[in-house]
Structure formats: C-alpha cells, structure tokens
Amino acid sequence: MVFIQPLDLETILVENLAGSWVIFIFLMIVLLSILAAKFRMPNSVFMVLFTLFCGMMSYYYPPLRVVTIIFVGFFVFYIIASRTKS
C-alpha cells in the first residue's frame, strides 16, 4: 500500500483518479462545461473561466498554452465585436 500525503492534490486527483494529465484535463473541461450549463453562465463568463483554467493547467501540460492563446483571442474578439455593434 502506498502512503499519500493528505493534501497532495496532484497525486490524489491526477494519478489516482484520472491516471494522467491528459485525462485529468479532459475530465476538468467536461466538468467546467457541465457546471456552466447547470448555472446557465453567459458565454463571456465561461470564456474567462475556461481561459483561467487553461492558464493554470498549462504549467503542468504545456500544449495548453496554445489553447490559452486561442481562447484569449476569441474572448478579445467577442468583447470587441459586442462593443462595436451598431
């Protein structure tokens, strides 16, 4: 039996629950989407939440940096487009 530190969330969530970082990140994206649908979040709030999530997780899984840049671009486009509509 392996001893796990009580607050070692990386070991508990990633290694024991999901098995790898890729699966963990996929599960968290699904969870964020379910929460956004349940609480009927506007698209702009979900974009900010998802971009913050990708930014935090890109430290552990570097390909998410590209996803973060893309979502920041979409968010900026969404804000500019909503402000300039006549």
PDB file of N, CA and C in Angstrom:
ATOM      1  N   MET A   1       0.838  -1.171   0.000  1.00  0.00           N
ATOM      2  CA  MET A   1       0.000   0.000   0.000  1.00  0.00           C
ATOM      3  C   MET A   1       0.887   1.240   0.000  1.00  0.00           C
ATOM      4  N   VAL A   2       0.509   2.224  -0.793  1.00  0.00           N
ATOM      5  CA  VAL A   2       1.301   3.442  -0.946  1.00  0.00           C
ATOM      6  C   VAL A   2       0.740   4.523  -0.038  1.00  0.00           C
ATOM      7  N   PHE A   3       1.631   5.224   0.672  1.00  0.00           N
ATOM      8  CA  PHE A   3       1.219   6.324   1.532  1.00  0.00           C
ATOM      9  C   PHE A   3       1.113   7.591   0.702  1.00  0.00           C
ATOM     10  N   ILE A   4      -0.010   8.275   0.806  1.00  0.00           N
ATOM     11  CA  ILE A   4      -0.246   9.527   0.095  1.00  0.00           C
ATOM     12  C   ILE A   4      -0.448  10.625   1.126  1.00  0.00           C
ATOM     13  N   GLN A   5       0.234  11.737   0.923  1.00  0.00           N
ATOM     14  CA  GLN A   5       0.067  12.886   1.807  1.00  0.00           C
ATOM     15  C   GLN A   5      -1.383  13.379   1.736  1.00  0.00           C
ATOM     16  N   PRO A   6      -1.965  13.848   2.839  1.00  0.00           N
ATOM     17  CA  PRO A   6      -3.372  14.238   2.848  1.00  0.00           C
ATOM     18  C   PRO A   6      -3.732  15.360   1.885  1.00  0.00           C
ATOM     19  N   LEU A   7      -2.895  16.360   1.712  1.00  0.00           N
ATOM     20  CA  LEU A   7      -3.229  17.489   0.846  1.00  0.00           C
ATOM     21  C   LEU A   7      -2.433  17.495  -0.452  1.00  0.00           C
ATOM     22  N   ASP A   8      -1.932  16.357  -0.858  1.00  0.00           N
ATOM     23  CA  ASP A   8      -1.219  16.258  -2.123  1.00  0.00           C
ATOM     24  C   ASP A   8      -2.243  16.037  -3.234  1.00  0.00           C
ATOM     25  N   LEU A   9      -2.872  17.146  -3.654  1.00  0.00           N
ATOM     26  CA  LEU A   9      -3.969  17.045  -4.617  1.00  0.00           C
ATOM     27  C   LEU A   9      -3.514  16.545  -5.979  1.00  0.00           C
ATOM     28  N   GLU A  10      -2.274  16.845  -6.348  1.00  0.00           N
ATOM     29  CA  GLU A  10      -1.777  16.360  -7.636  1.00  0.00           C
ATOM     30  C   GLU A  10      -1.776  14.836  -7.675  1.00  0.00           C
ATOM     31  N   THR A  11      -1.275  14.214  -6.633  1.00  0.00           N
ATOM     32  CA  THR A  11      -1.246  12.756  -6.596  1.00  0.00           C
ATOM     33  C   THR A  11      -2.652  12.183  -6.495  1.00  0.00           C
ATOM     34  N   ILE A  12      -3.477  12.769  -5.645  1.00  0.00           N
ATOM     35  CA  ILE A  12      -4.819  12.239  -5.442  1.00  0.00           C
ATOM     36  C   ILE A  12      -5.665  12.372  -6.693  1.00  0.00           C
ATOM     37  N   LEU A  13      -5.727  13.574  -7.271  1.00  0.00           N
ATOM     38  CA  LEU A  13      -6.611  13.806  -8.408  1.00  0.00           C
ATOM     39  C   LEU A  13      -6.062  13.266  -9.720  1.00  0.00           C
ATOM     40  N   VAL A  14      -4.796  13.516  -9.972  1.00  0.00           N
ATOM     41  CA  VAL A  14      -4.253  13.161 -11.280  1.00  0.00           C
ATOM     42  C   VAL A  14      -3.874  11.687 -11.348  1.00  0.00           C
ATOM     43  N   GLU A  15      -3.037  11.238 -10.434  1.00  0.00           N
ATOM     44  CA  GLU A  15      -2.526   9.879 -10.547  1.00  0.00           C
ATOM     45  C   GLU A  15      -3.547   8.827 -10.118  1.00  0.00           C
ATOM     46  N   ASN A  16      -4.298   9.095  -9.058  1.00  0.00           N
ATOM     47  CA  ASN A  16      -5.236   8.092  -8.571  1.00  0.00           C
ATOM     48  C   ASN A  16      -6.595   8.161  -9.258  1.00  0.00           C
ATOM     49  N   LEU A  17      -7.101   9.348  -9.523  1.00  0.00           N
ATOM     50  CA  LEU A  17      -8.419   9.490 -10.118  1.00  0.00           C
ATOM     51  C   LEU A  17      -8.381   9.314 -11.631  1.00  0.00           C
ATOM     52  N   ALA A  18      -7.509  10.064 -12.292  1.00  0.00           N
ATOM     53  CA  ALA A  18      -7.522  10.076 -13.754  1.00  0.00           C
ATOM     54  C   ALA A  18      -6.460   9.177 -14.380  1.00  0.00           C
ATOM     55  N   GLY A  19      -5.279   9.139 -13.838  1.00  0.00           N
ATOM     56  CA  GLY A  19      -4.224   8.300 -14.391  1.00  0.00           C
ATOM     57  C   GLY A  19      -3.154   9.074 -15.131  1.00  0.00           C
ATOM     58  N   SER A  20      -3.522  10.177 -15.790  1.00  0.00           N
ATOM     59  CA  SER A  20      -2.540  11.015 -16.483  1.00  0.00           C
ATOM     60  C   SER A  20      -3.083  12.438 -16.566  1.00  0.00           C
ATOM     61  N   TRP A  21      -2.191  13.372 -16.906  1.00  0.00           N
ATOM     62  CA  TRP A  21      -2.595  14.772 -17.008  1.00  0.00           C
ATOM     63  C   TRP A  21      -3.583  15.007 -18.128  1.00  0.00           C
ATOM     64  N   VAL A  22      -3.437  14.297 -19.224  1.00  0.00           N
ATOM     65  CA  VAL A  22      -4.329  14.499 -20.374  1.00  0.00           C
ATOM     66  C   VAL A  22      -5.760  14.104 -20.005  1.00  0.00           C
ATOM     67  N   ILE A  23      -5.915  12.972 -19.356  1.00  0.00           N
ATOM     68  CA  ILE A  23      -7.249  12.522 -18.957  1.00  0.00           C
ATOM     69  C   ILE A  23      -7.826  13.453 -17.897  1.00  0.00           C
ATOM     70  N   PHE A  24      -6.994  13.890 -16.962  1.00  0.00           N
ATOM     71  CA  PHE A  24      -7.457  14.808 -15.918  1.00  0.00           C
ATOM     72  C   PHE A  24      -7.947  16.118 -16.526  1.00  0.00           C
ATOM     73  N   ILE A  25      -7.195  16.673 -17.459  1.00  0.00           N
ATOM     74  CA  ILE A  25      -7.596  17.937 -18.074  1.00  0.00           C
ATOM     75  C   ILE A  25      -8.886  17.758 -18.875  1.00  0.00           C
ATOM     76  N   PHE A  26      -9.028  16.631 -19.571  1.00  0.00           N
ATOM     77  CA  PHE A  26     -10.267  16.360 -20.298  1.00  0.00           C
ATOM     78  C   PHE A  26     -11.453  16.276 -19.332  1.00  0.00           C
ATOM     79  N   LEU A  27     -11.282  15.582 -18.216  1.00  0.00           N
ATOM     80  CA  LEU A  27     -12.357  15.482 -17.230  1.00  0.00           C
ATOM     81  C   LEU A  27     -12.714  16.842 -16.643  1.00  0.00           C
ATOM     82  N   MET A  28     -11.721  17.688 -16.416  1.00  0.00           N
ATOM     83  CA  MET A  28     -11.987  19.018 -15.874  1.00  0.00           C
ATOM     84  C   MET A  28     -12.695  19.914 -16.891  1.00  0.00           C
ATOM     85  N   ILE A  29     -12.366  19.773 -18.166  1.00  0.00           N
ATOM     86  CA  ILE A  29     -13.067  20.540 -19.201  1.00  0.00           C
ATOM     87  C   ILE A  29     -14.530  20.122 -19.259  1.00  0.00           C
ATOM     88  N   VAL A  30     -14.786  18.823 -19.180  1.00  0.00           N
ATOM     89  CA  VAL A  30     -16.165  18.335 -19.161  1.00  0.00           C
ATOM     90  C   VAL A  30     -16.891  18.846 -17.918  1.00  0.00           C
ATOM     91  N   LEU A  31     -16.219  18.817 -16.762  1.00  0.00           N
ATOM     92  CA  LEU A  31     -16.831  19.308 -15.529  1.00  0.00           C
ATOM     93  C   LEU A  31     -17.138  20.801 -15.615  1.00  0.00           C
ATOM     94  N   LEU A  32     -16.218  21.586 -16.152  1.00  0.00           N
ATOM     95  CA  LEU A  32     -16.480  23.022 -16.319  1.00  0.00           C
ATOM     96  C   LEU A  32     -17.664  23.266 -17.245  1.00  0.00           C
ATOM     97  N   SER A  33     -17.762  22.493 -18.303  1.00  0.00           N
ATOM     98  CA  SER A  33     -18.878  22.650 -19.241  1.00  0.00           C
ATOM     99  C   SER A  33     -20.208  22.286 -18.585  1.00  0.00           C
ATOM    100  N   ILE A  34     -20.217  21.230 -17.793  1.00  0.00           N
ATOM    101  CA  ILE A  34     -21.444  20.828 -17.098  1.00  0.00           C
ATOM    102  C   ILE A  34     -21.867  21.901 -16.096  1.00  0.00           C
ATOM    103  N   LEU A  35     -20.905  22.436 -15.342  1.00  0.00           N
ATOM    104  CA  LEU A  35     -21.229  23.492 -14.378  1.00  0.00           C
ATOM    105  C   LEU A  35     -21.734  24.754 -15.069  1.00  0.00           C
ATOM    106  N   ALA A  36     -21.128  25.098 -16.203  1.00  0.00           N
ATOM    107  CA  ALA A  36     -21.571  26.277 -16.937  1.00  0.00           C
ATOM    108  C   ALA A  36     -22.997  26.088 -17.459  1.00  0.00           C
ATOM    109  N   ALA A  37     -23.319  24.887 -17.921  1.00  0.00           N
ATOM    110  CA  ALA A  37     -24.673  24.630 -18.403  1.00  0.00           C
ATOM    111  C   ALA A  37     -25.668  24.609 -17.248  1.00  0.00           C
ATOM    112  N   LYS A  38     -25.278  24.020 -16.129  1.00  0.00           N
ATOM    113  CA  LYS A  38     -26.185  23.927 -14.980  1.00  0.00           C
ATOM    114  C   LYS A  38     -26.518  25.307 -14.418  1.00  0.00           C
ATOM    115  N   PHE A  39     -25.521  26.180 -14.311  1.00  0.00           N
ATOM    116  CA  PHE A  39     -25.747  27.504 -13.760  1.00  0.00           C
ATOM    117  C   PHE A  39     -26.064  28.549 -14.830  1.00  0.00           C
ATOM    118  N   ARG A  40     -26.215  28.118 -16.070  1.00  0.00           N
ATOM    119  CA  ARG A  40     -26.578  28.994 -17.202  1.00  0.00           C
ATOM    120  C   ARG A  40     -25.697  30.234 -17.280  1.00  0.00           C
ATOM    121  N   MET A  41     -24.388  29.978 -17.318  1.00  0.00           N
ATOM    122  CA  MET A  41     -23.423  31.073 -17.409  1.00  0.00           C
ATOM    123  C   MET A  41     -23.462  31.682 -18.808  1.00  0.00           C
ATOM    124  N   PRO A  42     -23.300  32.980 -18.902  1.00  0.00           N
ATOM    125  CA  PRO A  42     -23.151  33.595 -20.230  1.00  0.00           C
ATOM    126  C   PRO A  42     -21.833  33.143 -20.872  1.00  0.00           C
ATOM    127  N   ASN A  43     -21.768  33.249 -22.181  1.00  0.00           N
ATOM    128  CA  ASN A  43     -20.574  32.799 -22.900  1.00  0.00           C
ATOM    129  C   ASN A  43     -19.324  33.551 -22.461  1.00  0.00           C
ATOM    130  N   SER A  44     -19.449  34.830 -22.190  1.00  0.00           N
ATOM    131  CA  SER A  44     -18.269  35.600 -21.807  1.00  0.00           C
ATOM    132  C   SER A  44     -17.721  35.134 -20.460  1.00  0.00           C
ATOM    133  N   VAL A  45     -18.587  34.796 -19.525  1.00  0.00           N
ATOM    134  CA  VAL A  45     -18.131  34.307 -18.217  1.00  0.00           C
ATOM    135  C   VAL A  45     -17.453  32.947 -18.378  1.00  0.00           C
ATOM    136  N   PHE A  46     -18.035  32.093 -19.197  1.00  0.00           N
ATOM    137  CA  PHE A  46     -17.435  30.780 -19.417  1.00  0.00           C
ATOM    138  C   PHE A  46     -16.084  30.900 -20.114  1.00  0.00           C
ATOM    139  N   MET A  47     -15.963  31.825 -21.047  1.00  0.00           N
ATOM    140  CA  MET A  47     -14.684  32.022 -21.726  1.00  0.00           C
ATOM    141  C   MET A  47     -13.600  32.456 -20.739  1.00  0.00           C
ATOM    142  N   VAL A  48     -13.933  33.362 -19.834  1.00  0.00           N
ATOM    143  CA  VAL A  48     -12.965  33.810 -18.834  1.00  0.00           C
ATOM    144  C   VAL A  48     -12.588  32.651 -17.919  1.00  0.00           C
ATOM    145  N   LEU A  49     -13.578  31.898 -17.459  1.00  0.00           N
ATOM    146  CA  LEU A  49     -13.334  30.763 -16.582  1.00  0.00           C
ATOM    147  C   LEU A  49     -12.464  29.710 -17.266  1.00  0.00           C
ATOM    148  N   PHE A  50     -12.765  29.411 -18.517  1.00  0.00           N
ATOM    149  CA  PHE A  50     -12.009  28.397 -19.251  1.00  0.00           C
ATOM    150  C   PHE A  50     -10.592  28.872 -19.559  1.00  0.00           C
ATOM    151  N   THR A  51     -10.428  30.147 -19.878  1.00  0.00           N
ATOM    152  CA  THR A  51      -9.096  30.680 -20.139  1.00  0.00           C
ATOM    153  C   THR A  51      -8.239  30.657 -18.873  1.00  0.00           C
ATOM    154  N   LEU A  52      -8.826  30.999 -17.737  1.00  0.00           N
ATOM    155  CA  LEU A  52      -8.092  30.918 -16.478  1.00  0.00           C
ATOM    156  C   LEU A  52      -7.709  29.471 -16.159  1.00  0.00           C
ATOM    157  N   PHE A  53      -8.615  28.547 -16.406  1.00  0.00           N
ATOM    158  CA  PHE A  53      -8.316  27.134 -16.186  1.00  0.00           C
ATOM    159  C   PHE A  53      -7.165  26.679 -17.075  1.00  0.00           C
ATOM    160  N   CYS A  54      -7.208  27.020 -18.349  1.00  0.00           N
ATOM    161  CA  CYS A  54      -6.128  26.624 -19.265  1.00  0.00           C
ATOM    162  C   CYS A  54      -4.811  27.276 -18.877  1.00  0.00           C
ATOM    163  N   GLY A  55      -4.870  28.515 -18.428  1.00  0.00           N
ATOM    164  CA  GLY A  55      -3.650  29.183 -17.997  1.00  0.00           C
ATOM    165  C   GLY A  55      -3.027  28.520 -16.787  1.00  0.00           C
ATOM    166  N   MET A  56      -3.855  28.091 -15.838  1.00  0.00           N
ATOM    167  CA  MET A  56      -3.328  27.418 -14.648  1.00  0.00           C
ATOM    168  C   MET A  56      -2.800  26.028 -14.981  1.00  0.00           C
ATOM    169  N   MET A  57      -3.480  25.317 -15.838  1.00  0.00           N
ATOM    170  CA  MET A  57      -3.076  23.950 -16.159  1.00  0.00           C
ATOM    171  C   MET A  57      -1.930  23.882 -17.171  1.00  0.00           C
ATOM    172  N   SER A  58      -1.635  24.983 -17.859  1.00  0.00           N
ATOM    173  CA  SER A  58      -0.555  24.953 -18.842  1.00  0.00           C
ATOM    174  C   SER A  58       0.811  24.784 -18.188  1.00  0.00           C
ATOM    175  N   TYR A  59       0.902  25.042 -16.906  1.00  0.00           N
ATOM    176  CA  TYR A  59       2.149  24.782 -16.185  1.00  0.00           C
ATOM    177  C   TYR A  59       2.446  23.280 -16.160  1.00  0.00           C
ATOM    178  N   TYR A  60       1.406  22.477 -16.008  1.00  0.00           N
ATOM    179  CA  TYR A  60       1.580  21.028 -15.922  1.00  0.00           C
ATOM    180  C   TYR A  60       1.547  20.354 -17.285  1.00  0.00           C
ATOM    181  N   TYR A  61       0.790  20.911 -18.216  1.00  0.00           N
ATOM    182  CA  TYR A  61       0.640  20.308 -19.538  1.00  0.00           C
ATOM    183  C   TYR A  61       0.868  21.402 -20.583  1.00  0.00           C
ATOM    184  N   PRO A  62       2.125  21.574 -21.047  1.00  0.00           N
ATOM    185  CA  PRO A  62       2.488  22.715 -21.901  1.00  0.00           C
ATOM    186  C   PRO A  62       1.673  22.906 -23.191  1.00  0.00           C
ATOM    187  N   PRO A  63       1.140  21.873 -23.862  1.00  0.00           N
ATOM    188  CA  PRO A  63       0.336  22.169 -25.063  1.00  0.00           C
ATOM    189  C   PRO A  63      -0.901  23.020 -24.792  1.00  0.00           C
ATOM    190  N   LEU A  64      -1.333  23.155 -23.548  1.00  0.00           N
ATOM    191  CA  LEU A  64      -2.480  24.010 -23.248  1.00  0.00           C
ATOM    192  C   LEU A  64      -2.171  25.480 -23.426  1.00  0.00           C
ATOM    193  N   ARG A  65      -0.881  25.844 -23.533  1.00  0.00           N
ATOM    194  CA  ARG A  65      -0.546  27.250 -23.779  1.00  0.00           C
ATOM    195  C   ARG A  65      -1.141  27.724 -25.093  1.00  0.00           C
ATOM    196  N   VAL A  66      -1.139  26.866 -26.086  1.00  0.00           N
ATOM    197  CA  VAL A  66      -1.725  27.219 -27.382  1.00  0.00           C
ATOM    198  C   VAL A  66      -3.229  27.404 -27.241  1.00  0.00           C
ATOM    199  N   VAL A  67      -3.879  26.523 -26.504  1.00  0.00           N
ATOM    200  CA  VAL A  67      -5.319  26.639 -26.272  1.00  0.00           C
ATOM    201  C   VAL A  67      -5.626  27.935 -25.534  1.00  0.00           C
ATOM    202  N   THR A  68      -4.796  28.289 -24.571  1.00  0.00           N
ATOM    203  CA  THR A  68      -4.994  29.529 -23.825  1.00  0.00           C
ATOM    204  C   THR A  68      -4.902  30.734 -24.744  1.00  0.00           C
ATOM    205  N   ILE A  69      -3.911  30.751 -25.612  1.00  0.00           N
ATOM    206  CA  ILE A  69      -3.755  31.870 -26.542  1.00  0.00           C
ATOM    207  C   ILE A  69      -4.957  31.963 -27.480  1.00  0.00           C
ATOM    208  N   ILE A  70      -5.447  30.824 -27.948  1.00  0.00           N
ATOM    209  CA  ILE A  70      -6.609  30.830 -28.846  1.00  0.00           C
ATOM    210  C   ILE A  70      -7.844  31.370 -28.127  1.00  0.00           C
ATOM    211  N   PHE A  71      -8.080  30.921 -26.890  1.00  0.00           N
ATOM    212  CA  PHE A  71      -9.260  31.383 -26.176  1.00  0.00           C
ATOM    213  C   PHE A  71      -9.163  32.831 -25.762  1.00  0.00           C
ATOM    214  N   VAL A  72      -7.975  33.311 -25.465  1.00  0.00           N
ATOM    215  CA  VAL A  72      -7.822  34.741 -25.197  1.00  0.00           C
ATOM    216  C   VAL A  72      -8.152  35.533 -26.464  1.00  0.00           C
ATOM    217  N   GLY A  73      -7.709  35.033 -27.595  1.00  0.00           N
ATOM    218  CA  GLY A  73      -8.042  35.684 -28.865  1.00  0.00           C
ATOM    219  C   GLY A  73      -9.535  35.705 -29.124  1.00  0.00           C
ATOM    220  N   PHE A  74     -10.211  34.575 -28.881  1.00  0.00           N
ATOM    221  CA  PHE A  74     -11.668  34.529 -29.057  1.00  0.00           C
ATOM    222  C   PHE A  74     -12.369  35.486 -28.103  1.00  0.00           C
ATOM    223  N   PHE A  75     -11.894  35.539 -26.876  1.00  0.00           N
ATOM    224  CA  PHE A  75     -12.525  36.404 -25.887  1.00  0.00           C
ATOM    225  C   PHE A  75     -12.361  37.872 -26.262  1.00  0.00           C
ATOM    226  N   VAL A  76     -11.173  38.263 -26.673  1.00  0.00           N
ATOM    227  CA  VAL A  76     -10.944  39.648 -27.089  1.00  0.00           C
ATOM    228  C   VAL A  76     -11.799  39.983 -28.309  1.00  0.00           C
ATOM    229  N   PHE A  77     -11.882  39.052 -29.267  1.00  0.00           N
ATOM    230  CA  PHE A  77     -12.736  39.268 -30.428  1.00  0.00           C
ATOM    231  C   PHE A  77     -14.192  39.429 -30.009  1.00  0.00           C
ATOM    232  N   TYR A  78     -14.663  38.594 -29.092  1.00  0.00           N
ATOM    233  CA  TYR A  78     -16.049  38.663 -28.629  1.00  0.00           C
ATOM    234  C   TYR A  78     -16.339  40.007 -27.975  1.00  0.00           C
ATOM    235  N   ILE A  79     -15.417  40.477 -27.132  1.00  0.00           N
ATOM    236  CA  ILE A  79     -15.615  41.762 -26.459  1.00  0.00           C
ATOM    237  C   ILE A  79     -15.620  42.913 -27.454  1.00  0.00           C
ATOM    238  N   ILE A  80     -14.655  42.900 -28.372  1.00  0.00           N
ATOM    239  CA  ILE A  80     -14.575  43.983 -29.364  1.00  0.00           C
ATOM    240  C   ILE A  80     -15.792  43.961 -30.278  1.00  0.00           C
ATOM    241  N   ALA A  81     -16.221  42.773 -30.687  1.00  0.00           N
ATOM    242  CA  ALA A  81     -17.385  42.676 -31.574  1.00  0.00           C
ATOM    243  C   ALA A  81     -18.651  43.140 -30.860  1.00  0.00           C
ATOM    244  N   SER A  82     -18.808  42.820 -29.595  1.00  0.00           N
ATOM    245  CA  SER A  82     -20.022  43.243 -28.885  1.00  0.00           C
ATOM    246  C   SER A  82     -20.005  44.750 -28.606  1.00  0.00           C
ATOM    247  N   ARG A  83     -18.847  45.340 -28.454  1.00  0.00           N
ATOM    248  CA  ARG A  83     -18.747  46.781 -28.191  1.00  0.00           C
ATOM    249  C   ARG A  83     -18.932  47.615 -29.460  1.00  0.00           C
ATOM    250  N   THR A  84     -18.569  47.061 -30.599  1.00  0.00           N
ATOM    251  CA  THR A  84     -18.627  47.863 -31.830  1.00  0.00           C
ATOM    252  C   THR A  84     -19.880  47.615 -32.658  1.00  0.00           C
ATOM    253  N   LYS A  85     -20.794  46.774 -32.189  1.00  0.00           N
ATOM    254  CA  LYS A  85     -22.044  46.560 -32.937  1.00  0.00           C
ATOM    255  C   LYS A  85     -22.847  47.832 -32.919  1.00  0.00           C
ATOM    256  N   SER A  86     -23.451  48.120 -34.072  1.00  0.00           N
ATOM    257  CA  SER A  86     -24.251  49.353 -34.116  1.00  0.00           C
ATOM    258  C   SER A  86     -25.723  49.047 -34.216  1.00  0.00           C
TER     259      SER A  86
END
